[in-house]
Amino acid sequence: MTEIRPFRGLRYDPARVRADDVVAPPYDVVGADDVAALLARSPYNAAHIESCPGPEGERFERAAAAMREWIASGVLVRDEAPAYYVYEQRAAIQGVVRQRRCFFARVRLHQPADDVVRPHEATMSGPREERLRLLRATHTNVSPIFAMFHDTGGAGAAMAAVAAGAPVFDATDGLGDHHRLWIVADAATQGRLTAALAASKVTIADGHHRYATSLTYLDERLAAAPLADDAPERYMLVGLIPEDEPGLVILPNHRLVRIDAVPADFFDRLGGLYEVEALDGWGADAAQELWSQVQAGAAGAATFGLLDLAEQRRYVLRGRSREAIDAAMPQDLSPASRALSARVLTETILGPALGIDAAALSAGQVQFTANVDETWQESAGVGHRLAFLINSTRPDEVTAVADAGELMPQKTTFYYPKLATGMVFNPLD
């Protein structure tokens, strides 16, 4: 179903750079201070291309010029033969060091309606336009997107065998996360990986804006001149990971709600669907204890933690039954969508009990964080009156919603760690 191809990657020469200094997080998870620190870390840090500073009318051409200069000086070197690239990450997540492996390949682009490469969330025009301008200037996939596949062909075992050897690139980033890369050059392993993807659809995990950008770029190139069926513009750089990879972690995206006042009948409105238990205590330990109770209810009916930031009160909200929650959900949604914690919170609490509709969500009345400590530390003075702790979305839930041809609510997933920019670039030639 999914067509992938090896490619001649453009990579840092580890003899010319310090690996730790050149990798960077993707553009959409770093703020201005983070970008400044990355730029200062090395004149060759990937952020000089990925998040190039400067006036809007100049910065993308400056990024392209930097890439050309790095190639000319030998800082970046193009591999001689097409290859796949196994990528291993190790990161501390909630106090536990986790490891995961994916591999980089060129993946043929498809419209979402083709049901081959499936999105799980909608995109916004601003980030799409920015990424398109960078792609036009560099003619290169600077950062990969991240996507899951159903591994029935032994891709995981093949990656493990490759990772038994010495990596060609080994970096530790500023967060302490570890990144290693191997070249997959032998035809047998390449064939095994190619066959594994041919038997599966692909579900985008991270990088929806970059994928949409590549589709737009392909349309532009087709409008300018005919393209061969195997033209590189018909593909993009993707990190591909088995859905059942043990290290594939999705963090929760807790909700911070800006509201002038909690309705007087708020708990009465909840009572039909939820049992509400008030808990004593406030602070870091109390928030973590509440989070533990939410996680303990993940296998049952919907369970949420509620922090009233103004009153410094906390509550556990436990769904009375799966059937009652399901009946309260929009029935035009698939069972997979109706079971999502993020969707349940929106449809049974944020909307009916707090009056937060789609327009309010789009206007930013709800903010998001994966950090429990950030929820209780927020003050009512900045407009966050309530915080809801929510269970993580599982990879199989993401796939099930994609199988149903639907999209998830905003910020339903937070995959961690993010794929680093700078492990390998994909020139579109």
Protein backbone atom coordinates (compact mmCIF):
# COMPACT_ATOMS: atom_id res chain seq x y z
CA MET A 1 0.00 0.00 0.00
CA THR A 2 2.78 2.44 0.95
CA GLU A 3 5.64 3.02 -1.47
CA ILE A 4 9.01 3.90 0.03
CA ARG A 5 12.42 4.35 -1.52
CA PRO A 6 16.00 4.62 -0.30
CA PHE A 7 17.68 7.95 -0.98
CA ARG A 8 21.09 9.58 -1.03
CA GLY A 9 20.99 11.36 2.29
CA LEU A 10 22.77 14.63 2.96
CA ARG A 11 24.53 14.31 6.33
CA TYR A 12 26.92 16.11 8.62
CA ASP A 13 30.51 14.92 8.37
CA PRO A 14 31.25 13.93 12.00
CA ALA A 15 34.90 14.78 11.39
CA ARG A 16 33.95 18.41 10.71
CA VAL A 17 31.40 19.06 13.46
CA ARG A 18 30.68 18.07 17.03
CA ALA A 19 27.52 15.99 16.71
CA ASP A 20 26.06 17.23 20.00
CA ASP A 21 26.17 20.81 18.74
CA VAL A 22 24.41 20.48 15.39
CA VAL A 23 21.14 18.61 16.03
CA ALA A 24 18.02 20.61 16.87
CA PRO A 25 14.39 20.00 17.76
CA PRO A 26 11.84 20.56 14.97
CA TYR A 27 10.74 24.13 14.37
CA ASP A 28 7.32 23.80 16.00
CA VAL A 29 8.47 22.89 19.53
CA VAL A 30 11.06 25.64 20.15
CA GLY A 31 10.53 29.22 21.24
CA ALA A 32 12.66 32.25 20.45
CA ASP A 33 15.01 31.71 23.41
CA ASP A 34 15.53 28.06 22.44
CA VAL A 35 16.32 29.03 18.86
CA ALA A 36 18.83 31.64 20.00
CA ALA A 37 20.59 29.06 22.17
CA LEU A 38 20.75 26.60 19.27
CA LEU A 39 22.13 29.20 16.89
CA ALA A 40 24.82 30.11 19.41
CA ARG A 41 25.74 26.48 20.00
CA SER A 42 27.37 26.08 16.58
CA PRO A 43 27.51 27.99 13.29
CA TYR A 44 26.43 24.69 11.74
CA ASN A 45 23.49 23.88 13.99
CA ALA A 46 20.48 22.70 11.97
CA ALA A 47 18.44 25.58 13.42
CA HIS A 48 20.36 27.93 11.10
CA ILE A 49 18.32 26.29 8.33
CA GLU A 50 15.23 24.96 10.12
CA SER A 51 14.53 28.18 12.09
CA CYS A 52 16.72 30.67 10.25
CA PRO A 53 16.41 34.14 11.84
CA GLY A 54 16.03 37.43 10.03
CA PRO A 55 13.41 39.46 8.14
CA GLU A 56 10.60 37.38 6.62
CA GLY A 57 11.55 38.38 3.11
CA GLU A 58 15.14 37.18 3.50
CA ARG A 59 15.42 34.38 6.01
CA PHE A 60 14.45 31.47 3.78
CA GLU A 61 16.97 32.43 1.11
CA ARG A 62 19.53 32.84 3.89
CA ALA A 63 18.75 29.31 5.03
CA ALA A 64 19.26 28.00 1.50
CA ALA A 65 22.52 29.93 1.18
CA ALA A 66 23.78 28.43 4.45
CA MET A 67 23.01 24.94 3.24
CA ARG A 68 24.84 25.55 -0.03
CA GLU A 69 27.85 26.92 1.88
CA TRP A 70 27.95 23.90 4.21
CA ILE A 71 27.87 21.56 1.22
CA ALA A 72 30.61 23.47 -0.58
CA SER A 73 32.85 23.43 2.50
CA GLY A 74 32.28 19.72 3.19
CA VAL A 75 30.36 20.16 6.44
CA LEU A 76 27.46 18.39 4.76
CA VAL A 77 28.23 15.42 2.52
CA ARG A 78 25.89 13.53 0.17
CA ASP A 79 25.98 9.74 0.44
CA GLU A 80 27.08 8.02 -2.76
CA ALA A 81 24.44 5.29 -2.82
CA PRO A 82 20.72 5.33 -1.96
CA ALA A 83 20.06 4.03 1.55
CA TYR A 84 17.59 3.83 4.37
CA TYR A 85 18.73 5.13 7.75
CA VAL A 86 17.93 3.53 11.11
CA TYR A 87 17.46 6.11 13.84
CA GLU A 88 17.52 5.29 17.56
CA GLN A 89 16.50 7.67 20.33
CA ARG A 90 16.88 7.33 24.09
CA ALA A 91 15.12 9.79 26.38
CA ALA A 92 14.07 10.03 30.01
CA ILE A 93 10.27 10.14 30.10
CA GLN A 94 8.63 10.62 33.49
CA GLY A 95 11.76 9.29 35.19
CA VAL A 96 12.14 6.22 32.97
CA VAL A 97 14.72 5.96 30.16
CA ARG A 98 12.96 4.74 27.02
CA GLN A 99 14.40 3.68 23.69
CA ARG A 100 12.74 3.57 20.30
CA ARG A 101 13.83 2.95 16.72
CA CYS A 102 12.45 4.13 13.41
CA PHE A 103 13.99 4.41 9.97
CA PHE A 104 14.18 7.24 7.47
CA ALA A 105 12.93 6.73 3.93
CA ARG A 106 11.40 8.62 1.08
CA VAL A 107 7.65 7.98 1.15
CA ARG A 108 5.47 8.59 -1.90
CA LEU A 109 3.01 11.41 -1.33
CA HIS A 110 -0.72 10.72 -1.36
CA GLN A 111 -3.77 12.87 -0.84
CA PRO A 112 -5.59 12.02 2.42
CA ALA A 113 -8.56 10.75 0.41
CA ASP A 114 -6.33 7.98 -0.99
CA ASP A 115 -6.24 6.43 2.51
CA VAL A 116 -2.58 5.48 2.22
CA VAL A 117 -0.79 8.20 4.21
CA ARG A 118 -3.43 9.28 6.71
CA PRO A 119 -3.45 12.40 8.91
CA HIS A 120 -4.94 12.41 12.39
CA GLU A 121 -5.32 16.16 12.86
CA ALA A 122 -6.11 19.26 10.82
CA THR A 123 -3.52 21.88 9.83
CA MET A 124 -3.37 25.68 9.99
CA SER A 125 -2.46 27.97 7.11
CA GLY A 126 0.31 29.95 8.88
CA PRO A 127 2.75 27.09 9.54
CA ARG A 128 2.02 25.59 6.11
CA GLU A 129 3.03 28.80 4.34
CA GLU A 130 6.23 29.13 6.37
CA ARG A 131 7.32 25.55 5.66
CA LEU A 132 6.45 25.97 1.98
CA ARG A 133 8.73 28.97 1.66
CA LEU A 134 11.59 27.03 3.25
CA LEU A 135 10.99 24.08 0.93
CA ARG A 136 10.92 26.31 -2.13
CA ALA A 137 14.21 27.95 -1.12
CA THR A 138 16.16 24.83 -0.13
CA HIS A 139 14.49 22.24 -2.39
CA THR A 140 15.20 19.92 0.54
CA ASN A 141 13.25 18.15 3.26
CA VAL A 142 15.11 19.73 6.16
CA SER A 143 13.24 17.92 8.93
CA PRO A 144 11.40 14.60 8.68
CA ILE A 145 7.84 13.91 9.60
CA PHE A 146 7.04 10.98 11.91
CA ALA A 147 4.61 8.21 10.92
CA MET A 148 3.44 4.82 12.19
CA PHE A 149 2.93 1.60 10.25
CA HIS A 150 1.65 -1.89 11.00
CA ASP A 151 4.73 -4.12 11.03
CA THR A 152 3.94 -7.60 9.72
CA GLY A 153 7.18 -7.90 7.78
CA GLY A 154 9.82 -7.95 10.50
CA ALA A 155 10.93 -4.34 10.09
CA GLY A 156 11.54 -4.02 13.83
CA ALA A 157 13.82 -7.04 13.85
CA ALA A 158 15.67 -5.72 10.79
CA MET A 159 16.28 -2.38 12.49
CA ALA A 160 17.52 -4.11 15.63
CA ALA A 161 20.04 -6.10 13.58
CA VAL A 162 21.32 -2.91 11.94
CA ALA A 163 21.61 -1.18 15.32
CA ALA A 164 23.89 -3.93 16.58
CA GLY A 165 26.69 -2.30 14.61
CA ALA A 166 28.51 0.98 15.14
CA PRO A 167 26.49 4.13 14.31
CA VAL A 168 27.72 6.69 11.79
CA PHE A 169 26.35 9.56 13.87
CA ASP A 170 25.97 9.80 17.65
CA ALA A 171 24.69 12.92 19.41
CA THR A 172 23.31 14.00 22.77
CA ASP A 173 21.14 17.11 22.58
CA GLY A 174 20.66 19.92 25.06
CA LEU A 175 17.88 18.02 26.85
CA GLY A 176 20.11 15.01 27.38
CA ASP A 177 18.28 12.90 24.79
CA HIS A 178 20.50 10.50 22.84
CA HIS A 179 20.35 10.18 19.03
CA ARG A 180 22.15 7.57 16.90
CA LEU A 181 22.05 6.86 13.16
CA TRP A 182 23.01 3.87 10.98
CA ILE A 183 23.13 3.56 7.19
CA VAL A 184 21.16 0.66 5.70
CA ALA A 185 23.00 0.01 2.45
CA ASP A 186 22.61 -3.74 1.86
CA ALA A 187 19.93 -4.75 -0.61
CA ALA A 188 18.46 -7.55 1.52
CA THR A 189 17.64 -5.31 4.48
CA GLN A 190 16.41 -2.55 2.22
CA GLY A 191 14.10 -5.06 0.55
CA ARG A 192 12.77 -6.26 3.89
CA LEU A 193 11.92 -2.72 4.97
CA THR A 194 10.39 -1.87 1.61
CA ALA A 195 8.18 -4.97 1.74
CA ALA A 196 7.07 -4.24 5.31
CA LEU A 197 5.73 -0.84 4.28
CA ALA A 198 4.15 -2.17 1.10
CA ALA A 199 1.89 -4.29 3.33
CA SER A 200 0.72 -1.37 5.49
CA LYS A 201 -0.92 2.00 5.43
CA VAL A 202 0.87 4.86 7.19
CA THR A 203 -0.61 7.14 9.87
CA ILE A 204 1.06 10.51 10.45
CA ALA A 205 2.08 10.98 14.07
CA ASP A 206 3.95 14.33 13.88
CA GLY A 207 4.47 16.68 10.96
CA HIS A 208 1.02 17.27 9.48
CA HIS A 209 1.95 20.78 8.34
CA ARG A 210 5.11 19.57 6.63
CA TYR A 211 3.18 16.81 4.87
CA ALA A 212 0.53 19.26 3.64
CA THR A 213 3.34 21.55 2.52
CA SER A 214 4.93 18.78 0.45
CA LEU A 215 1.59 18.14 -1.29
CA THR A 216 1.32 21.84 -2.16
CA TYR A 217 4.92 21.92 -3.36
CA LEU A 218 4.28 18.90 -5.59
CA ASP A 219 1.26 20.65 -7.10
CA GLU A 220 3.40 23.70 -7.81
CA ARG A 221 6.08 21.64 -9.51
CA LEU A 222 3.50 19.78 -11.60
CA ALA A 223 1.97 23.10 -12.68
CA ALA A 224 5.40 24.36 -13.78
CA ALA A 225 6.47 21.31 -15.80
CA PRO A 226 5.73 17.59 -16.20
CA LEU A 227 7.37 15.33 -13.62
CA ALA A 228 8.48 11.74 -14.04
CA ASP A 229 6.58 9.18 -12.00
CA ASP A 230 9.65 8.62 -9.83
CA ALA A 231 10.53 12.31 -9.44
CA PRO A 232 11.84 13.07 -5.93
CA GLU A 233 9.19 15.78 -5.48
CA ARG A 234 6.62 12.98 -5.39
CA TYR A 235 8.20 11.77 -2.12
CA MET A 236 9.15 13.24 1.24
CA LEU A 237 11.41 12.38 4.18
CA VAL A 238 9.61 10.32 6.83
CA GLY A 239 10.72 8.58 10.01
CA LEU A 240 8.75 5.32 10.02
CA ILE A 241 8.02 3.46 13.26
CA PRO A 242 6.08 0.26 13.97
CA GLU A 243 2.82 0.92 15.81
CA ASP A 244 3.76 -1.69 18.41
CA GLU A 245 7.24 -0.30 19.10
CA PRO A 246 7.54 -0.45 22.92
CA GLY A 247 9.30 2.90 23.03
CA LEU A 248 6.55 4.71 21.10
CA VAL A 249 5.25 7.08 23.79
CA ILE A 250 2.41 9.58 23.54
CA LEU A 251 2.32 12.04 26.42
CA PRO A 252 -0.95 13.55 27.65
CA ASN A 253 -1.99 17.05 26.67
CA HIS A 254 -3.67 18.44 29.77
CA ARG A 255 -6.15 21.29 29.28
CA LEU A 256 -5.88 24.77 30.84
CA VAL A 257 -9.18 26.62 30.55
CA ARG A 258 -9.51 30.41 30.62
CA ILE A 259 -12.89 31.31 32.05
CA ASP A 260 -14.13 34.34 34.01
CA ALA A 261 -16.11 32.28 36.51
CA VAL A 262 -17.20 28.69 36.96
CA PRO A 263 -20.98 28.40 36.45
CA ALA A 264 -22.83 28.04 39.75
CA ASP A 265 -24.45 24.82 38.54
CA PHE A 266 -21.24 23.39 37.06
CA PHE A 267 -21.13 20.27 39.24
CA ASP A 268 -24.87 19.75 38.81
CA ARG A 269 -24.33 19.68 35.05
CA LEU A 270 -21.61 17.06 35.50
CA GLY A 271 -23.63 14.89 37.87
CA GLY A 272 -25.60 13.03 35.24
CA LEU A 273 -22.47 11.57 33.63
CA TYR A 274 -19.76 11.79 36.29
CA GLU A 275 -19.19 10.90 39.89
CA VAL A 276 -17.37 13.87 41.43
CA GLU A 277 -14.98 13.23 44.31
CA ALA A 278 -13.48 16.23 46.11
CA LEU A 279 -9.96 15.75 47.44
CA ASP A 280 -8.08 17.64 50.13
CA GLY A 281 -4.68 19.23 49.63
CA TRP A 282 -2.93 21.46 47.09
CA GLY A 283 0.51 21.69 45.55
CA ALA A 284 2.96 19.52 43.63
CA ASP A 285 2.39 16.29 45.55
CA ALA A 286 -1.38 16.76 45.47
CA ALA A 287 -1.36 17.34 41.71
CA GLN A 288 0.76 14.22 41.13
CA GLU A 289 -1.55 12.17 43.36
CA LEU A 290 -4.54 13.39 41.35
CA TRP A 291 -2.73 12.47 38.14
CA SER A 292 -2.12 8.96 39.52
CA GLN A 293 -5.85 8.56 40.11
CA VAL A 294 -6.60 9.68 36.56
CA GLN A 295 -4.14 7.15 35.15
CA ALA A 296 -5.61 4.42 37.35
CA GLY A 297 -8.96 5.01 35.63
CA ALA A 298 -7.62 4.80 32.09
CA ALA A 299 -9.09 1.36 31.44
CA GLY A 300 -12.58 2.24 32.66
CA ALA A 301 -15.12 4.88 31.74
CA ALA A 302 -13.76 8.38 31.15
CA THR A 303 -11.73 9.70 34.09
CA PHE A 304 -10.43 13.27 34.46
CA GLY A 305 -8.67 15.30 37.13
CA LEU A 306 -10.01 18.78 37.77
CA LEU A 307 -7.98 21.57 39.37
CA ASP A 308 -9.84 24.74 40.32
CA LEU A 309 -6.92 27.15 40.23
CA ALA A 310 -8.76 30.07 41.76
CA GLU A 311 -10.13 28.11 44.72
CA GLN A 312 -7.14 25.72 44.93
CA ARG A 313 -9.44 22.72 45.00
CA ARG A 314 -9.07 19.42 43.21
CA TYR A 315 -11.51 16.74 42.12
CA VAL A 316 -11.63 13.37 40.39
CA LEU A 317 -14.33 13.08 37.73
CA ARG A 318 -15.21 9.44 37.00
CA GLY A 319 -17.61 8.50 34.23
CA ARG A 320 -20.61 6.63 35.63
CA SER A 321 -20.57 4.13 32.76
CA ARG A 322 -19.14 3.67 29.29
CA GLU A 323 -22.68 3.41 27.93
CA ALA A 324 -23.77 6.74 29.42
CA ILE A 325 -20.67 8.53 28.14
CA ASP A 326 -21.06 7.00 24.67
CA ALA A 327 -24.72 8.00 24.49
CA ALA A 328 -23.78 11.61 25.28
CA MET A 329 -21.29 11.76 22.41
CA PRO A 330 -22.16 12.88 18.84
CA GLN A 331 -23.49 9.74 17.21
CA ASP A 332 -22.20 10.68 13.77
CA LEU A 333 -18.68 9.98 15.06
CA SER A 334 -17.12 6.53 14.85
CA PRO A 335 -16.84 4.42 18.02
CA ALA A 336 -13.08 5.08 17.90
CA SER A 337 -13.60 8.86 18.05
CA ARG A 338 -16.35 8.65 20.65
CA ALA A 339 -13.96 6.79 22.99
CA LEU A 340 -11.12 9.35 22.85
CA SER A 341 -10.52 11.04 26.19
CA ALA A 342 -9.86 14.39 24.53
CA ARG A 343 -13.08 14.15 22.52
CA VAL A 344 -15.08 13.04 25.58
CA LEU A 345 -13.78 15.97 27.61
CA THR A 346 -14.74 18.42 24.87
CA GLU A 347 -18.18 16.98 24.17
CA THR A 348 -19.34 16.18 27.70
CA ILE A 349 -17.66 18.85 29.87
CA LEU A 350 -16.05 21.76 28.04
CA GLY A 351 -19.03 22.31 25.77
CA PRO A 352 -22.18 21.50 27.76
CA ALA A 353 -20.92 22.40 31.26
CA LEU A 354 -18.66 25.38 30.49
CA GLY A 355 -20.03 26.68 27.19
CA ILE A 356 -16.73 26.36 25.34
CA ASP A 357 -17.58 25.85 21.68
CA ALA A 358 -15.44 25.37 18.56
CA ALA A 359 -14.98 29.13 18.14
CA ALA A 360 -13.71 29.45 21.72
CA LEU A 361 -11.29 26.60 21.16
CA SER A 362 -9.98 28.24 17.98
CA ALA A 363 -9.60 31.54 19.84
CA GLY A 364 -7.27 29.93 22.39
CA GLN A 365 -9.59 29.75 25.38
CA VAL A 366 -8.07 26.32 26.06
CA GLN A 367 -4.29 25.93 26.32
CA PHE A 368 -2.27 22.73 26.55
CA THR A 369 0.62 21.24 28.53
CA ALA A 370 2.10 17.78 28.98
CA ASN A 371 3.55 18.77 32.36
CA VAL A 372 1.38 18.10 35.43
CA ASP A 373 3.34 20.63 37.50
CA GLU A 374 2.48 23.38 35.03
CA THR A 375 -1.24 22.76 35.55
CA TRP A 376 -1.43 23.56 39.25
CA GLN A 377 1.21 26.29 39.11
CA GLU A 378 -0.85 28.34 36.66
CA SER A 379 -2.63 31.23 38.38
CA ALA A 380 -6.10 32.61 37.78
CA GLY A 381 -4.42 35.98 37.22
CA VAL A 382 -3.31 34.94 33.72
CA GLY A 383 -6.74 33.66 32.86
CA HIS A 384 -6.40 29.95 33.59
CA ARG A 385 -9.25 29.24 35.94
CA LEU A 386 -9.52 25.45 35.54
CA ALA A 387 -7.12 22.68 34.57
CA PHE A 388 -8.18 19.22 33.42
CA LEU A 389 -5.78 16.29 33.67
CA ILE A 390 -6.40 13.86 30.84
CA ASN A 391 -5.11 10.39 30.01
CA SER A 392 -2.73 9.88 27.09
CA THR A 393 -3.96 8.79 23.70
CA ARG A 394 -2.63 5.36 22.71
CA PRO A 395 -1.04 4.66 19.29
CA ASP A 396 -3.77 2.14 18.47
CA GLU A 397 -6.40 4.82 19.14
CA VAL A 398 -4.69 7.14 16.65
CA THR A 399 -4.70 4.40 14.03
CA ALA A 400 -8.33 3.47 14.73
CA VAL A 401 -9.48 7.06 14.18
CA ALA A 402 -7.47 7.24 10.94
CA ASP A 403 -9.01 3.92 9.86
CA ALA A 404 -12.42 5.52 10.36
CA GLY A 405 -11.45 8.40 8.07
CA GLU A 406 -11.74 10.97 10.87
CA LEU A 407 -9.51 13.57 12.52
CA MET A 408 -8.80 14.00 16.20
CA PRO A 409 -9.49 17.13 18.26
CA GLN A 410 -6.73 19.72 18.55
CA LYS A 411 -3.72 18.63 20.60
CA THR A 412 -4.90 15.09 21.26
CA THR A 413 -1.37 13.68 20.97
CA PHE A 414 2.10 14.72 22.11
CA TYR A 415 4.69 12.28 20.82
CA TYR A 416 7.97 12.39 22.73
CA PRO A 417 10.81 12.59 22.04
CA LYS A 418 10.54 14.55 18.81
CA LEU A 419 12.63 13.46 15.84
CA ALA A 420 15.75 15.60 15.76
CA THR A 421 16.48 17.83 12.80
CA GLY A 422 19.99 17.30 11.43
CA MET A 423 20.29 13.50 11.49
CA VAL A 424 19.86 13.37 7.70
CA PHE A 425 18.47 15.77 5.10
CA ASN A 426 16.63 14.77 1.92
CA PRO A 427 17.54 16.85 -1.17
CA LEU A 428 14.77 16.66 -3.75
CA ASP A 429 16.96 15.87 -6.73
